[in-house]
Amino acid sequence: MYVLLAGLSHRTAPVSIRERFAFCGTSLDQAYAYFKDQPEIEGTVILATCNRTEIYATCRDIESGMEILRQFMARYSGMTDQELTQYLYQPNCYDAIAHLFRVTAGLDSMILGEDQILGQVKDAYQASVAAHASDGVLNSLFLKAIYIGKKVRTETKIDQRPLSVPFAAVELARQILGDLQGKTVMVIGAGEMSELTTRCLMENGIQSVIVSNRSYDKALAMAKVFNGRAVRFDLLTTELGQADIVISCTAARRYVVREDNCGQVLQARQGKRIIMIDIAVPRDIDPVLNSIEGVFTYDIDDLQNVVNADNLEKQKSIRQTERIIAAEINDFSQWLDSLCVVPVIKALRARGEDIKQKEIRKAFNRLGKISPQEEKIISSMANTIISQLLHAPMVNLKEMAGKSQGHLYAEVVKNLFGLQINLEELNQYGTSDIGNQGQ
């Protein structure tokens, strides 16, 4: 069994590309339905956040499995294979495992050690389970990853002084505008990210808050919490004339703030500075608005400079985290290798026993009536032949079980002897106690 990964993140692709791979609601359900219809794919978990879209899968044929993932990503995004190659990563089995552990530990995040990714990994795994898309190996892999995420945050200081995306957005505004005292902010979207951002703004001197959301009731509720003012979503453009800062984070599939609905209002400001920070993926704010005098648009990728300084402070914690991950990778890899080897050993034994019994019956039928002593000698000889023939493959399989190439050796033995592996039995190994550490 192999673990596959096809993905792209803030490290390999700008937000203009990542937003083409956003999954939510119906599109996520359709994606899981597609992979469940692919006989080569055993299980799937899709992790989709602001900064990454990654598809984890299990299969028995690496090449066909990786091609299925790649073709799906290309079709979903509408990109050609050549375009996709610039941004997509498809590591080998063990690098895919290591990557997930690093992601959950917060080492692959824009903001090192951030807590949100751990919850996002949990949610992605639970969504896969709810869609009946996961399998035994992915169950163990993701439970182990979640366990590592918790362990890292307990044993290291990587999540101390937590710098969140909302806080980074506020820091960017402070760098550009200086003191935020007396400034007016419009927050578009009333979800968790918008609420966190508003809280950060209030802590940094903002007193005038305007909240707009498709659900006016949610906008009212959030505005009440911060003593702000709610604005109906279809009227938000009229309020841009008063705002100094716009923070936008909605789940919209297209630009919310565009030239056709906001251009005139922004031009009427006559060059008065307005900072528009878009932390949504897909993006809410059309970057073309940046061409209007006094309008400065930023997206989530522009926050990178803000967080770089914070990341330098966490180098000691990063080294501790890397050591924890290295030990856990070794533990999980040995388990995965044994997962491949154990069913092959069992099938090899069964194949030898089947051949032995058939040949013994054949010999007895041809010899006719023979004595019990002769039967014993013939049975013993057949048993010795089979045992000696299978001895070396069995010993080598057991030795290879804990090594990184164990799964390849098991595959060779399976093909050489024409072994048939019981898939249901194999999947049972995927519920090994190794995964229970994450619960």
Protein backbone atom coordinates (compact mmCIF):
# COMPACT_ATOMS: atom_id res chain seq x y z
CA MET A 1 0.00 0.00 0.00
CA TYR A 2 1.34 3.43 -0.94
CA VAL A 3 0.48 6.89 0.36
CA LEU A 4 0.23 9.46 -2.43
CA LEU A 5 0.07 13.25 -2.30
CA ALA A 6 -0.70 15.83 -4.97
CA GLY A 7 -0.83 19.43 -3.85
CA LEU A 8 0.22 23.04 -4.04
CA SER A 9 0.68 25.68 -1.36
CA HIS A 10 1.82 29.22 -0.64
CA ARG A 11 5.37 27.91 -1.10
CA THR A 12 4.79 26.81 -4.70
CA ALA A 13 1.90 28.90 -6.04
CA PRO A 14 0.61 32.48 -5.65
CA VAL A 15 -2.93 33.08 -4.42
CA SER A 16 -4.07 33.76 -8.01
CA ILE A 17 -3.32 30.09 -8.71
CA ARG A 18 -4.36 28.61 -5.35
CA GLU A 19 -7.83 30.09 -5.56
CA ARG A 20 -8.47 27.93 -8.63
CA PHE A 21 -8.12 24.86 -6.42
CA ALA A 22 -10.48 25.94 -3.62
CA PHE A 23 -12.88 23.24 -2.41
CA CYS A 24 -16.02 23.72 -0.37
CA GLY A 25 -19.49 22.24 0.00
CA THR A 26 -20.71 20.67 -3.24
CA SER A 27 -17.33 20.72 -4.96
CA LEU A 28 -15.79 18.75 -2.08
CA ASP A 29 -18.59 16.18 -2.20
CA GLN A 30 -18.15 15.83 -5.95
CA ALA A 31 -14.41 15.36 -5.58
CA TYR A 32 -14.85 12.56 -3.06
CA ALA A 33 -17.47 10.92 -5.28
CA TYR A 34 -15.03 11.04 -8.20
CA PHE A 35 -12.21 9.35 -6.29
CA LYS A 36 -14.51 6.69 -4.87
CA ASP A 37 -15.35 5.74 -8.46
CA GLN A 38 -11.67 5.18 -9.30
CA PRO A 39 -10.84 1.49 -8.67
CA GLU A 40 -7.11 2.27 -8.36
CA ILE A 41 -7.69 4.62 -5.42
CA GLU A 42 -8.32 2.97 -2.05
CA GLY A 43 -8.91 6.08 0.07
CA THR A 44 -8.75 9.86 -0.13
CA VAL A 45 -8.49 12.86 2.20
CA ILE A 46 -8.64 16.40 0.77
CA LEU A 47 -7.03 19.20 2.79
CA ALA A 48 -8.07 22.63 1.47
CA THR A 49 -7.14 25.85 3.32
CA CYS A 50 -6.26 29.44 2.41
CA ASN A 51 -2.65 28.46 1.87
CA ARG A 52 -2.85 24.95 0.42
CA THR A 53 -4.86 22.35 -1.43
CA GLU A 54 -3.55 18.82 -0.95
CA ILE A 55 -5.05 15.47 -1.89
CA TYR A 56 -3.81 12.45 0.06
CA ALA A 57 -4.66 9.03 -1.32
CA THR A 58 -3.73 5.37 -0.99
CA CYS A 59 -3.24 2.89 -3.80
CA ARG A 60 -1.32 -0.22 -4.82
CA ASP A 61 -0.06 1.08 -8.16
CA ILE A 62 2.00 4.24 -7.71
CA GLU A 63 2.11 5.37 -11.33
CA SER A 64 -1.60 5.03 -12.07
CA GLY A 65 -2.53 6.54 -8.70
CA MET A 66 -0.33 9.60 -9.18
CA GLU A 67 -1.64 10.10 -12.70
CA ILE A 68 -5.26 10.00 -11.47
CA LEU A 69 -4.52 12.70 -8.88
CA ARG A 70 -2.68 14.84 -11.40
CA GLN A 71 -5.41 14.60 -14.03
CA PHE A 72 -8.06 15.50 -11.46
CA MET A 73 -6.14 18.59 -10.34
CA ALA A 74 -5.71 19.71 -13.94
CA ARG A 75 -9.39 19.24 -14.82
CA TYR A 76 -10.63 20.88 -11.64
CA SER A 77 -8.49 23.98 -12.14
CA GLY A 78 -8.86 24.16 -15.91
CA MET A 79 -5.08 24.16 -16.30
CA THR A 80 -3.00 22.33 -18.86
CA ASP A 81 -0.56 19.69 -17.69
CA GLN A 82 2.34 21.99 -18.54
CA GLU A 83 0.85 24.85 -16.50
CA LEU A 84 0.15 22.58 -13.54
CA THR A 85 3.73 21.28 -13.47
CA GLN A 86 4.99 24.70 -12.36
CA TYR A 87 3.06 24.56 -9.10
CA LEU A 88 2.20 20.94 -8.25
CA TYR A 89 4.22 18.70 -5.95
CA GLN A 90 3.86 14.90 -5.89
CA PRO A 91 6.43 13.49 -3.43
CA ASN A 92 7.14 9.80 -2.95
CA CYS A 93 5.31 7.73 -0.34
CA TYR A 94 7.55 8.48 2.62
CA ASP A 95 8.06 12.14 1.76
CA ALA A 96 4.26 12.48 1.55
CA ILE A 97 3.96 11.10 5.08
CA ALA A 98 6.70 13.43 6.34
CA HIS A 99 5.02 16.38 4.62
CA LEU A 100 1.68 15.79 6.36
CA PHE A 101 3.42 15.54 9.73
CA ARG A 102 5.20 18.85 9.07
CA VAL A 103 1.96 20.48 7.97
CA THR A 104 0.10 19.42 11.10
CA ALA A 105 3.01 20.49 13.32
CA GLY A 106 2.81 23.95 11.77
CA LEU A 107 6.23 23.84 10.07
CA ASP A 108 4.86 24.25 6.56
CA SER A 109 2.54 27.14 7.42
CA MET A 110 3.12 30.74 6.41
CA ILE A 111 2.98 31.45 10.15
CA LEU A 112 5.13 28.84 11.90
CA GLY A 113 3.38 26.91 14.64
CA GLU A 114 -0.05 28.43 14.00
CA ASP A 115 -2.88 26.53 15.66
CA GLN A 116 -5.47 26.81 12.91
CA ILE A 117 -3.84 24.21 10.67
CA LEU A 118 -4.26 21.48 13.32
CA GLY A 119 -8.01 22.11 13.41
CA GLN A 120 -8.13 22.26 9.61
CA VAL A 121 -6.41 18.87 9.33
CA LYS A 122 -8.89 17.41 11.84
CA ASP A 123 -11.82 18.86 9.90
CA ALA A 124 -10.46 17.54 6.58
CA TYR A 125 -10.04 14.05 8.01
CA GLN A 126 -13.50 14.05 9.58
CA ALA A 127 -15.04 15.23 6.29
CA SER A 128 -13.36 12.31 4.51
CA VAL A 129 -14.65 9.85 7.10
CA ALA A 130 -18.16 11.31 6.82
CA ALA A 131 -17.98 10.88 3.04
CA HIS A 132 -16.79 7.25 3.50
CA ALA A 133 -13.74 8.18 1.45
CA SER A 134 -10.95 7.30 3.87
CA ASP A 135 -9.45 3.84 4.47
CA GLY A 136 -7.48 2.07 7.19
CA VAL A 137 -4.09 3.43 6.20
CA LEU A 138 -5.29 7.04 5.92
CA ASN A 139 -7.15 6.66 9.22
CA SER A 140 -3.90 5.71 10.94
CA LEU A 141 -1.89 8.33 9.05
CA PHE A 142 -4.15 11.25 9.95
CA LEU A 143 -4.67 10.18 13.54
CA LYS A 144 -0.89 9.96 13.87
CA ALA A 145 -0.51 13.41 12.26
CA ILE A 146 -3.03 14.94 14.66
CA TYR A 147 -1.24 13.28 17.56
CA ILE A 148 2.05 14.83 16.37
CA GLY A 149 0.45 18.25 16.06
CA LYS A 150 -0.71 18.09 19.67
CA LYS A 151 2.61 16.69 20.90
CA VAL A 152 4.65 19.41 19.20
CA ARG A 153 2.54 22.17 20.72
CA THR A 154 2.79 20.56 24.16
CA GLU A 155 6.53 19.88 24.16
CA THR A 156 7.90 22.89 22.24
CA LYS A 157 7.27 26.63 22.27
CA ILE A 158 6.49 26.85 18.58
CA ASP A 159 2.96 28.09 19.21
CA GLN A 160 3.90 30.67 21.84
CA ARG A 161 3.49 34.28 20.79
CA PRO A 162 1.04 32.97 18.21
CA LEU A 163 0.97 35.20 15.14
CA SER A 164 -2.26 34.64 13.24
CA VAL A 165 -3.21 35.68 9.72
CA PRO A 166 -5.61 38.32 11.14
CA PHE A 167 -2.85 39.72 13.35
CA ALA A 168 -0.46 39.78 10.38
CA ALA A 169 -3.10 41.70 8.40
CA VAL A 170 -3.36 44.27 11.19
CA GLU A 171 0.44 44.56 11.37
CA LEU A 172 0.52 45.24 7.63
CA ALA A 173 -2.03 48.03 8.09
CA ARG A 174 0.08 49.51 10.92
CA GLN A 175 3.22 49.42 8.78
CA ILE A 176 1.46 51.38 6.03
CA LEU A 177 -0.75 53.76 8.02
CA GLY A 178 1.22 54.05 11.24
CA ASP A 179 -0.98 54.68 14.28
CA LEU A 180 -4.43 53.13 13.78
CA GLN A 181 -6.04 55.35 16.41
CA GLY A 182 -9.10 57.10 14.99
CA LYS A 183 -9.15 55.03 11.80
CA THR A 184 -12.30 53.44 10.42
CA VAL A 185 -12.27 49.82 9.27
CA MET A 186 -14.78 47.98 7.15
CA VAL A 187 -14.80 44.22 7.72
CA ILE A 188 -16.43 42.22 4.93
CA GLY A 189 -17.54 38.80 6.13
CA ALA A 190 -18.73 37.79 9.59
CA GLY A 191 -17.00 34.45 10.01
CA GLU A 192 -14.39 33.37 12.53
CA MET A 193 -11.48 34.92 10.60
CA SER A 194 -13.29 38.25 10.32
CA GLU A 195 -14.09 38.24 14.02
CA LEU A 196 -10.47 37.50 14.94
CA THR A 197 -9.30 40.30 12.67
CA THR A 198 -11.75 42.78 14.18
CA ARG A 199 -10.62 41.85 17.67
CA CYS A 200 -6.99 42.48 16.68
CA LEU A 201 -7.95 45.85 15.21
CA MET A 202 -9.79 46.91 18.36
CA GLU A 203 -6.73 45.96 20.44
CA ASN A 204 -4.63 48.22 18.24
CA GLY A 205 -6.66 51.39 18.56
CA ILE A 206 -9.44 51.06 15.98
CA GLN A 207 -12.69 52.41 17.41
CA SER A 208 -14.96 52.73 14.36
CA VAL A 209 -15.98 49.38 12.86
CA ILE A 210 -18.32 48.71 9.95
CA VAL A 211 -19.39 45.10 9.35
CA SER A 212 -20.97 43.81 6.16
CA ASN A 213 -22.03 40.25 5.40
CA ARG A 214 -24.43 38.44 3.07
CA SER A 215 -26.42 37.47 6.16
CA TYR A 216 -27.41 40.81 7.65
CA ASP A 217 -28.34 39.13 10.95
CA LYS A 218 -24.77 37.83 11.30
CA ALA A 219 -23.41 41.27 10.48
CA LEU A 220 -25.66 42.78 13.17
CA ALA A 221 -24.53 40.20 15.74
CA MET A 222 -20.86 40.77 15.04
CA ALA A 223 -21.20 44.56 14.97
CA LYS A 224 -22.93 44.44 18.36
CA VAL A 225 -20.01 42.53 19.89
CA PHE A 226 -17.58 45.26 18.85
CA ASN A 227 -19.89 48.27 19.26
CA GLY A 228 -19.74 48.74 15.50
CA ARG A 229 -22.25 49.33 12.75
CA ALA A 230 -23.75 46.71 10.41
CA VAL A 231 -24.31 47.40 6.72
CA ARG A 232 -26.37 45.34 4.31
CA PHE A 233 -24.23 43.51 1.80
CA ASP A 234 -25.74 45.26 -1.23
CA LEU A 235 -24.90 48.65 0.32
CA LEU A 236 -21.31 47.98 1.34
CA THR A 237 -19.92 49.85 -1.68
CA THR A 238 -21.43 53.13 -0.46
CA GLU A 239 -19.51 52.83 2.82
CA LEU A 240 -16.09 52.63 1.17
CA GLY A 241 -15.98 56.39 1.08
CA GLN A 242 -15.62 56.46 4.88
CA ALA A 243 -13.23 53.55 5.46
CA ASP A 244 -9.48 53.81 5.94
CA ILE A 245 -8.98 50.04 6.03
CA VAL A 246 -10.91 47.20 4.41
CA ILE A 247 -10.40 43.64 5.66
CA SER A 248 -12.24 41.08 3.55
CA CYS A 249 -12.71 37.38 4.20
CA THR A 250 -15.81 35.74 2.72
CA ALA A 251 -16.53 32.39 1.11
CA ALA A 252 -17.53 34.00 -2.20
CA ARG A 253 -16.42 32.27 -5.38
CA ARG A 254 -15.82 35.57 -7.26
CA TYR A 255 -14.62 39.08 -6.43
CA VAL A 256 -16.90 40.91 -3.99
CA VAL A 257 -15.16 44.29 -4.30
CA ARG A 258 -14.75 45.04 -8.00
CA GLU A 259 -14.26 47.98 -10.33
CA ASP A 260 -17.81 47.73 -11.70
CA ASN A 261 -19.42 48.05 -8.25
CA CYS A 262 -16.82 50.02 -6.30
CA GLY A 263 -14.71 51.88 -8.84
CA GLN A 264 -16.71 55.12 -8.81
CA VAL A 265 -16.88 55.26 -5.00
CA LEU A 266 -13.13 54.76 -4.71
CA GLN A 267 -12.34 57.34 -7.39
CA ALA A 268 -14.60 59.84 -5.57
CA ARG A 269 -12.21 59.66 -2.60
CA GLN A 270 -9.86 61.76 -4.76
CA GLY A 271 -6.68 60.01 -3.72
CA LYS A 272 -7.44 59.69 0.00
CA ARG A 273 -5.54 56.59 1.09
CA ILE A 274 -7.45 53.33 1.70
CA ILE A 275 -5.77 50.01 2.53
CA MET A 276 -7.65 46.94 1.29
CA ILE A 277 -6.37 43.66 2.74
CA ASP A 278 -7.85 40.49 1.24
CA ILE A 279 -7.33 37.37 3.38
CA ALA A 280 -9.84 35.21 1.51
CA VAL A 281 -9.09 32.35 -0.90
CA PRO A 282 -10.55 32.63 -3.51
CA ARG A 283 -9.86 36.38 -3.29
CA ASP A 284 -12.61 38.90 -2.53
CA ILE A 285 -10.94 42.07 -3.83
CA ASP A 286 -10.08 42.58 -7.49
CA PRO A 287 -6.38 43.60 -7.62
CA VAL A 288 -7.12 45.87 -10.59
CA LEU A 289 -8.47 48.40 -8.05
CA ASN A 290 -4.85 49.03 -7.09
CA SER A 291 -4.60 51.22 -10.21
CA ILE A 292 -6.97 53.81 -8.66
CA GLU A 293 -5.12 56.68 -6.97
CA GLY A 294 -4.92 56.22 -3.20
CA VAL A 295 -6.10 52.56 -3.29
CA PHE A 296 -3.64 49.95 -2.07
CA THR A 297 -4.72 46.30 -2.35
CA TYR A 298 -2.97 43.41 -0.63
CA ASP A 299 -3.72 39.68 -0.60
CA ILE A 300 -2.78 36.90 1.78
CA ASP A 301 0.59 36.36 0.08
CA ASP A 302 1.58 39.94 0.87
CA LEU A 303 1.49 39.07 4.58
CA GLN A 304 4.66 36.97 4.20
CA ASN A 305 7.04 39.86 4.99
CA VAL A 306 5.14 40.51 8.21
CA VAL A 307 5.59 36.98 9.50
CA ASN A 308 9.23 36.41 8.47
CA ALA A 309 10.61 38.23 11.52
CA ASP A 310 8.40 36.19 13.84
CA ASN A 311 9.55 32.95 12.23
CA LEU A 312 13.20 33.75 12.99
CA GLU A 313 12.36 33.88 16.71
CA LYS A 314 11.14 30.29 16.61
CA GLN A 315 14.28 28.54 15.30
CA LYS A 316 14.93 26.60 18.54
CA SER A 317 11.36 25.33 18.62
CA ILE A 318 11.65 24.35 14.95
CA ARG A 319 14.67 22.14 15.71
CA GLN A 320 12.80 20.45 18.56
CA THR A 321 9.81 19.90 16.31
CA GLU A 322 11.96 18.39 13.55
CA ARG A 323 13.35 15.83 16.02
CA ILE A 324 9.87 14.84 17.15
CA ILE A 325 8.70 14.46 13.56
CA ALA A 326 11.78 12.40 12.55
CA ALA A 327 11.09 9.87 15.32
CA GLU A 328 7.40 9.64 14.44
CA ILE A 329 8.16 9.24 10.72
CA ASN A 330 10.40 6.28 11.50
CA ASP A 331 7.70 4.75 13.70
CA PHE A 332 4.96 5.15 11.11
CA SER A 333 7.18 4.03 8.20
CA GLN A 334 8.05 0.79 9.95
CA TRP A 335 4.37 0.15 10.58
CA LEU A 336 3.48 0.91 6.96
CA ASP A 337 6.24 -1.37 5.69
CA SER A 338 5.01 -4.18 7.92
CA LEU A 339 1.51 -3.52 6.61
CA CYS A 340 2.77 -4.42 3.14
CA VAL A 341 4.86 -7.39 4.27
CA VAL A 342 2.60 -9.23 6.73
CA PRO A 343 -0.20 -10.07 4.25
CA VAL A 344 2.40 -11.25 1.70
CA ILE A 345 4.01 -13.58 4.27
CA LYS A 346 0.60 -14.95 5.16
CA ALA A 347 -0.34 -15.44 1.50
CA LEU A 348 3.01 -17.10 0.76
CA ARG A 349 2.52 -19.58 3.57
CA ALA A 350 -1.01 -20.33 2.37
CA ARG A 351 0.23 -20.81 -1.20
CA GLY A 352 2.92 -23.25 -0.05
CA GLU A 353 0.45 -25.21 2.08
CA ASP A 354 -2.03 -25.38 -0.80
CA ILE A 355 0.61 -26.73 -3.23
CA LYS A 356 1.83 -29.25 -0.66
CA GLN A 357 -1.63 -30.65 0.07
CA LYS A 358 -2.54 -30.94 -3.63
CA GLU A 359 0.65 -32.79 -4.50
CA ILE A 360 0.36 -35.13 -1.52
CA ARG A 361 -3.19 -36.09 -2.52
CA LYS A 362 -2.04 -36.60 -6.10
CA ALA A 363 0.83 -38.88 -5.01
CA PHE A 364 -1.39 -40.94 -2.72
CA ASN A 365 -3.93 -41.47 -5.52
CA ARG A 366 -1.25 -42.71 -7.89
CA LEU A 367 0.44 -45.02 -5.38
CA GLY A 368 -2.76 -46.71 -4.30
CA LYS A 369 -2.72 -48.55 -0.99
CA ILE A 370 0.37 -47.71 1.07
CA SER A 371 1.29 -48.11 4.70
CA PRO A 372 0.93 -45.36 7.35
CA GLN A 373 4.72 -45.22 7.57
CA GLU A 374 5.00 -44.55 3.83
CA GLU A 375 2.30 -41.86 4.05
CA LYS A 376 4.26 -40.20 6.84
CA ILE A 377 7.51 -40.26 4.84
CA ILE A 378 5.85 -38.76 1.74
CA SER A 379 4.08 -36.04 3.76
CA SER A 380 7.30 -35.19 5.59
CA MET A 381 9.24 -34.95 2.34
CA ALA A 382 6.62 -32.64 0.76
CA ASN A 383 6.62 -30.47 3.85
CA THR A 384 10.43 -30.21 3.84
CA ILE A 385 10.55 -29.26 0.14
CA ILE A 386 8.00 -26.48 0.56
CA SER A 387 9.60 -25.21 3.78
CA GLN A 388 13.08 -25.06 2.27
CA LEU A 389 11.81 -23.42 -0.91
CA LEU A 390 10.00 -20.67 1.01
CA HIS A 391 12.54 -20.25 3.81
CA ALA A 392 14.72 -17.58 2.19
CA PRO A 393 11.82 -15.42 0.88
CA MET A 394 10.11 -15.59 4.28
CA VAL A 395 13.23 -14.67 6.26
CA ASN A 396 14.10 -11.82 3.91
CA LEU A 397 10.54 -10.50 3.99
CA LYS A 398 10.61 -10.39 7.78
CA GLU A 399 13.97 -8.59 7.76
CA MET A 400 12.74 -6.07 5.21
CA ALA A 401 9.52 -5.35 7.11
CA GLY A 402 11.10 -2.53 9.10
CA LYS A 403 13.10 -0.98 6.26
CA SER A 404 12.15 1.77 3.83
CA GLN A 405 12.16 -0.58 0.83
CA GLY A 406 10.10 -3.28 2.52
CA HIS A 407 6.99 -2.52 0.49
CA LEU A 408 8.92 -2.87 -2.78
CA TYR A 409 10.38 -6.24 -1.75
CA ALA A 410 6.91 -7.42 -0.74
CA GLU A 411 5.53 -6.35 -4.11
CA VAL A 412 8.25 -8.29 -5.96
CA VAL A 413 7.61 -11.46 -3.94
CA LYS A 414 3.87 -11.12 -4.48
CA ASN A 415 4.33 -10.89 -8.25
CA LEU A 416 6.95 -13.67 -8.47
CA PHE A 417 4.73 -16.16 -6.67
CA GLY A 418 1.47 -14.90 -8.17
CA LEU A 419 -0.02 -14.30 -4.73
CA GLN A 420 -3.57 -13.03 -4.23
CA ILE A 421 -3.95 -10.69 -1.24
CA ASN A 422 -7.29 -10.49 0.54
CA LEU A 423 -8.09 -6.75 0.37
CA GLU A 424 -10.50 -6.81 3.32
CA GLU A 425 -7.88 -8.50 5.45
CA LEU A 426 -5.27 -6.01 4.35
CA ASN A 427 -7.47 -3.07 5.30
CA GLN A 428 -7.83 -4.50 8.80
CA TYR A 429 -4.16 -3.77 9.37
CA GLY A 430 -4.94 -0.10 8.76
CA THR A 431 -6.76 0.11 12.09
CA SER A 432 -3.56 -0.74 13.95
CA ASP A 433 -3.03 0.76 17.39
CA ILE A 434 -0.52 3.14 15.85
CA GLY A 435 -3.42 5.40 14.92
CA ASN A 436 -4.96 5.35 18.37
CA GLN A 437 -2.21 7.63 19.66
CA GLY A 438 -3.98 10.51 17.96
CA GLN A 439 -7.27 10.02 19.74
